[in-house]
């Protein structure tokens, strides 16, 4: 699917793609045997809707906790003046 959309595999939304695949699988029994390749082709054409935006570089979220009884650094709450 990622190859068809010409993106890296990590840019395809797993949740959305899974929904589409399961929906296609659930409706396959209603279609004629000769239409199966067309259903799979339609699923591949939908892949462009599953592409996620590129990740933002330079984002960092170090682990912090609110309580002091932990091995991680505590979160400093801003003091209002």
N, C-alpha and C. Protein backbone atom coordinates (compact mmCIF):
# COMPACT_ATOMS: atom_id res chain seq x y z
N UNK A 1 0.82 -1.18 0.00
CA UNK A 1 0.00 0.00 0.00
C UNK A 1 0.88 1.26 0.00
N UNK A 2 1.94 1.25 0.79
CA UNK A 2 2.85 2.39 0.84
C UNK A 2 3.57 2.56 -0.49
N UNK A 3 3.92 1.46 -1.12
CA UNK A 3 4.58 1.53 -2.42
C UNK A 3 3.64 2.14 -3.45
N UNK A 4 2.38 1.80 -3.39
CA UNK A 4 1.40 2.34 -4.33
C UNK A 4 1.20 3.84 -4.10
N UNK A 5 1.26 4.29 -2.85
CA UNK A 5 1.10 5.70 -2.50
C UNK A 5 2.42 6.47 -2.62
N UNK A 6 3.52 5.78 -2.89
CA UNK A 6 4.86 6.35 -3.06
C UNK A 6 5.30 7.12 -1.80
N UNK A 7 5.15 6.46 -0.65
CA UNK A 7 5.63 7.01 0.62
C UNK A 7 6.29 5.89 1.41
N UNK A 8 6.97 6.25 2.50
CA UNK A 8 7.56 5.23 3.37
C UNK A 8 6.42 4.50 4.09
N UNK A 9 6.63 3.24 4.44
CA UNK A 9 5.59 2.49 5.14
C UNK A 9 5.17 3.10 6.47
N UNK A 10 6.07 3.83 7.13
CA UNK A 10 5.72 4.44 8.41
C UNK A 10 4.80 5.64 8.26
N UNK A 11 4.59 6.12 7.04
CA UNK A 11 3.70 7.26 6.81
C UNK A 11 2.27 6.83 6.52
N UNK A 12 1.99 5.52 6.48
CA UNK A 12 0.63 5.03 6.27
C UNK A 12 -0.04 4.86 7.64
N UNK A 13 -1.22 5.43 7.81
CA UNK A 13 -1.96 5.30 9.06
C UNK A 13 -2.42 3.87 9.22
N UNK A 14 -1.92 3.18 10.23
CA UNK A 14 -2.28 1.79 10.46
C UNK A 14 -3.77 1.66 10.75
N UNK A 15 -4.28 2.51 11.60
CA UNK A 15 -5.67 2.43 12.03
C UNK A 15 -6.62 2.61 10.84
N UNK A 16 -6.39 3.63 10.03
CA UNK A 16 -7.26 3.89 8.89
C UNK A 16 -7.15 2.80 7.83
N UNK A 17 -5.93 2.35 7.56
CA UNK A 17 -5.73 1.29 6.58
C UNK A 17 -6.37 -0.01 7.05
N UNK A 18 -6.26 -0.30 8.33
CA UNK A 18 -6.87 -1.51 8.87
C UNK A 18 -8.38 -1.46 8.72
N UNK A 19 -8.97 -0.29 8.98
CA UNK A 19 -10.41 -0.12 8.81
C UNK A 19 -10.83 -0.42 7.37
N UNK A 20 -10.09 0.09 6.41
CA UNK A 20 -10.42 -0.11 5.00
C UNK A 20 -10.25 -1.57 4.60
N UNK A 21 -9.19 -2.20 5.06
CA UNK A 21 -8.95 -3.61 4.72
C UNK A 21 -10.03 -4.50 5.32
N UNK A 22 -10.37 -4.28 6.58
CA UNK A 22 -11.40 -5.09 7.22
C UNK A 22 -12.76 -4.85 6.55
N UNK A 23 -13.04 -3.61 6.19
CA UNK A 23 -14.29 -3.32 5.48
C UNK A 23 -14.36 -4.02 4.15
N UNK A 24 -13.24 -4.06 3.44
CA UNK A 24 -13.20 -4.77 2.16
C UNK A 24 -13.37 -6.26 2.36
N UNK A 25 -12.70 -6.81 3.34
CA UNK A 25 -12.81 -8.25 3.62
C UNK A 25 -14.25 -8.62 4.01
N UNK A 26 -14.91 -7.76 4.77
CA UNK A 26 -16.27 -8.05 5.21
C UNK A 26 -17.28 -7.99 4.07
N UNK A 27 -16.96 -7.26 3.00
CA UNK A 27 -17.90 -7.15 1.88
C UNK A 27 -17.53 -8.03 0.70
N UNK A 28 -16.41 -8.73 0.76
CA UNK A 28 -15.97 -9.57 -0.35
C UNK A 28 -16.99 -10.68 -0.65
N UNK A 29 -17.62 -11.22 0.37
CA UNK A 29 -18.57 -12.31 0.14
C UNK A 29 -19.79 -11.87 -0.66
N UNK A 30 -20.05 -10.56 -0.73
CA UNK A 30 -21.18 -10.05 -1.50
C UNK A 30 -20.84 -9.87 -2.98
N UNK A 31 -19.57 -9.83 -3.30
CA UNK A 31 -19.14 -9.58 -4.68
C UNK A 31 -18.97 -10.89 -5.44
N UNK A 32 -19.02 -10.78 -6.75
CA UNK A 32 -18.77 -11.95 -7.60
C UNK A 32 -17.27 -12.23 -7.60
N UNK A 33 -16.92 -13.45 -7.93
CA UNK A 33 -15.51 -13.87 -7.91
C UNK A 33 -14.66 -13.06 -8.89
N UNK A 34 -15.23 -12.68 -10.01
CA UNK A 34 -14.48 -11.93 -11.02
C UNK A 34 -14.20 -10.50 -10.64
N UNK A 35 -14.89 -9.98 -9.64
CA UNK A 35 -14.70 -8.58 -9.24
C UNK A 35 -13.68 -8.41 -8.12
N UNK A 36 -13.11 -9.51 -7.63
CA UNK A 36 -12.13 -9.43 -6.54
C UNK A 36 -10.90 -8.59 -6.90
N UNK A 37 -10.30 -8.77 -8.09
CA UNK A 37 -9.16 -7.90 -8.44
C UNK A 37 -9.53 -6.42 -8.48
N UNK A 38 -10.74 -6.11 -8.92
CA UNK A 38 -11.18 -4.70 -8.95
C UNK A 38 -11.33 -4.15 -7.54
N UNK A 39 -11.82 -4.97 -6.61
CA UNK A 39 -11.95 -4.53 -5.21
C UNK A 39 -10.58 -4.25 -4.60
N UNK A 40 -9.63 -5.13 -4.87
CA UNK A 40 -8.27 -4.93 -4.34
C UNK A 40 -7.62 -3.70 -4.97
N UNK A 41 -7.86 -3.47 -6.26
CA UNK A 41 -7.31 -2.28 -6.91
C UNK A 41 -7.92 -1.02 -6.31
N UNK A 42 -9.21 -1.03 -6.02
CA UNK A 42 -9.86 0.12 -5.40
C UNK A 42 -9.29 0.39 -4.02
N UNK A 43 -8.97 -0.69 -3.30
CA UNK A 43 -8.36 -0.54 -1.98
C UNK A 43 -6.98 0.12 -2.10
N UNK A 44 -6.20 -0.28 -3.09
CA UNK A 44 -4.90 0.34 -3.31
C UNK A 44 -5.04 1.80 -3.71
N UNK A 45 -6.06 2.12 -4.49
CA UNK A 45 -6.27 3.52 -4.90
C UNK A 45 -6.65 4.39 -3.71
N UNK A 46 -7.27 3.81 -2.70
CA UNK A 46 -7.63 4.55 -1.50
C UNK A 46 -6.42 4.83 -0.61
N UNK A 47 -5.29 4.22 -0.89
CA UNK A 47 -4.10 4.35 -0.04
C UNK A 47 -3.65 5.79 0.10
N UNK A 48 -3.91 6.62 -0.87
CA UNK A 48 -3.48 8.03 -0.77
C UNK A 48 -4.21 8.76 0.36
N UNK A 49 -5.38 8.25 0.77
CA UNK A 49 -6.11 8.86 1.87
C UNK A 49 -5.58 8.42 3.23
N UNK A 50 -4.72 7.43 3.27
CA UNK A 50 -4.18 6.90 4.52
C UNK A 50 -2.82 7.49 4.86
N UNK A 51 -2.29 8.37 4.01
CA UNK A 51 -0.95 8.93 4.21
C UNK A 51 -0.98 9.97 5.32
N UNK A 52 -0.08 9.82 6.28
CA UNK A 52 0.04 10.76 7.39
C UNK A 52 0.96 11.90 7.00
N UNK A 53 0.82 13.08 7.62
CA UNK A 53 1.75 14.17 7.35
C UNK A 53 3.15 13.81 7.86
N UNK A 54 4.19 14.43 7.29
CA UNK A 54 5.55 14.12 7.77
C UNK A 54 5.73 14.53 9.23
N UNK A 55 6.60 13.78 9.91
CA UNK A 55 6.86 14.08 11.32
C UNK A 55 7.64 15.38 11.45
N UNK A 56 7.35 16.13 12.50
CA UNK A 56 8.08 17.38 12.72
C UNK A 56 9.41 17.08 13.39
N UNK A 57 10.45 17.63 12.84
CA UNK A 57 11.80 17.39 13.37
C UNK A 57 12.04 18.26 14.61
N UNK A 58 12.89 17.78 15.48
CA UNK A 58 13.30 18.58 16.63
C UNK A 58 12.33 18.56 17.80
N UNK A 59 11.32 17.71 17.77
CA UNK A 59 10.39 17.65 18.90
C UNK A 59 10.93 16.67 19.93
N UNK A 60 10.87 17.07 21.20
CA UNK A 60 11.38 16.22 22.26
C UNK A 60 10.42 16.30 23.44
N UNK A 61 10.09 15.15 23.98
CA UNK A 61 9.21 15.10 25.14
C UNK A 61 9.87 14.22 26.20
N UNK A 62 10.77 14.79 27.01
CA UNK A 62 11.41 13.98 28.05
C UNK A 62 10.39 13.53 29.08
N UNK A 63 10.62 12.37 29.65
CA UNK A 63 9.67 11.81 30.61
C UNK A 63 9.75 12.57 31.92
N UNK A 64 8.59 13.01 32.42
CA UNK A 64 8.51 13.72 33.68
C UNK A 64 7.31 13.21 34.45
N UNK A 65 7.39 13.28 35.76
CA UNK A 65 6.27 12.87 36.61
C UNK A 65 5.94 14.00 37.57
N UNK A 66 4.74 13.97 38.10
CA UNK A 66 4.32 15.02 39.02
C UNK A 66 4.71 14.73 40.46
N UNK A 67 4.83 13.45 40.83
CA UNK A 67 5.17 13.10 42.21
C UNK A 67 6.67 12.92 42.37
N UNK A 68 7.15 13.15 43.57
CA UNK A 68 8.59 13.05 43.81
C UNK A 68 9.02 11.63 44.15
N UNK A 69 8.11 10.66 44.31
CA UNK A 69 8.47 9.30 44.67
C UNK A 69 8.75 8.44 43.44
N UNK A 70 9.48 8.96 42.51
CA UNK A 70 9.75 8.24 41.28
C UNK A 70 11.21 8.43 40.90
N UNK A 71 11.71 7.54 40.07
CA UNK A 71 13.10 7.67 39.63
C UNK A 71 13.25 8.68 38.49
N UNK A 72 12.12 9.19 37.96
CA UNK A 72 12.17 10.17 36.89
C UNK A 72 12.16 11.58 37.47
N UNK A 73 12.72 12.55 36.75
CA UNK A 73 12.70 13.93 37.26
C UNK A 73 11.27 14.44 37.40
N UNK A 74 11.04 15.26 38.44
CA UNK A 74 9.69 15.78 38.67
C UNK A 74 9.39 16.92 37.74
N UNK A 75 8.10 17.06 37.43
CA UNK A 75 7.64 18.13 36.54
C UNK A 75 7.54 19.41 37.33
N UNK A 76 8.16 20.44 36.85
CA UNK A 76 8.16 21.74 37.52
C UNK A 76 6.95 22.53 37.03
N UNK A 77 6.06 22.86 37.95
CA UNK A 77 4.88 23.64 37.60
C UNK A 77 5.27 25.11 37.61
N UNK A 78 4.82 25.89 36.61
CA UNK A 78 5.17 27.31 36.58
C UNK A 78 4.54 28.06 37.75
N UNK A 79 5.30 28.96 38.33
CA UNK A 79 4.82 29.76 39.46
C UNK A 79 4.30 31.06 38.92
N UNK A 80 3.02 31.38 39.22
CA UNK A 80 2.44 32.64 38.74
C UNK A 80 2.82 33.75 39.70
N UNK A 81 3.13 34.92 39.15
CA UNK A 81 3.57 36.05 39.98
C UNK A 81 2.43 36.94 40.36
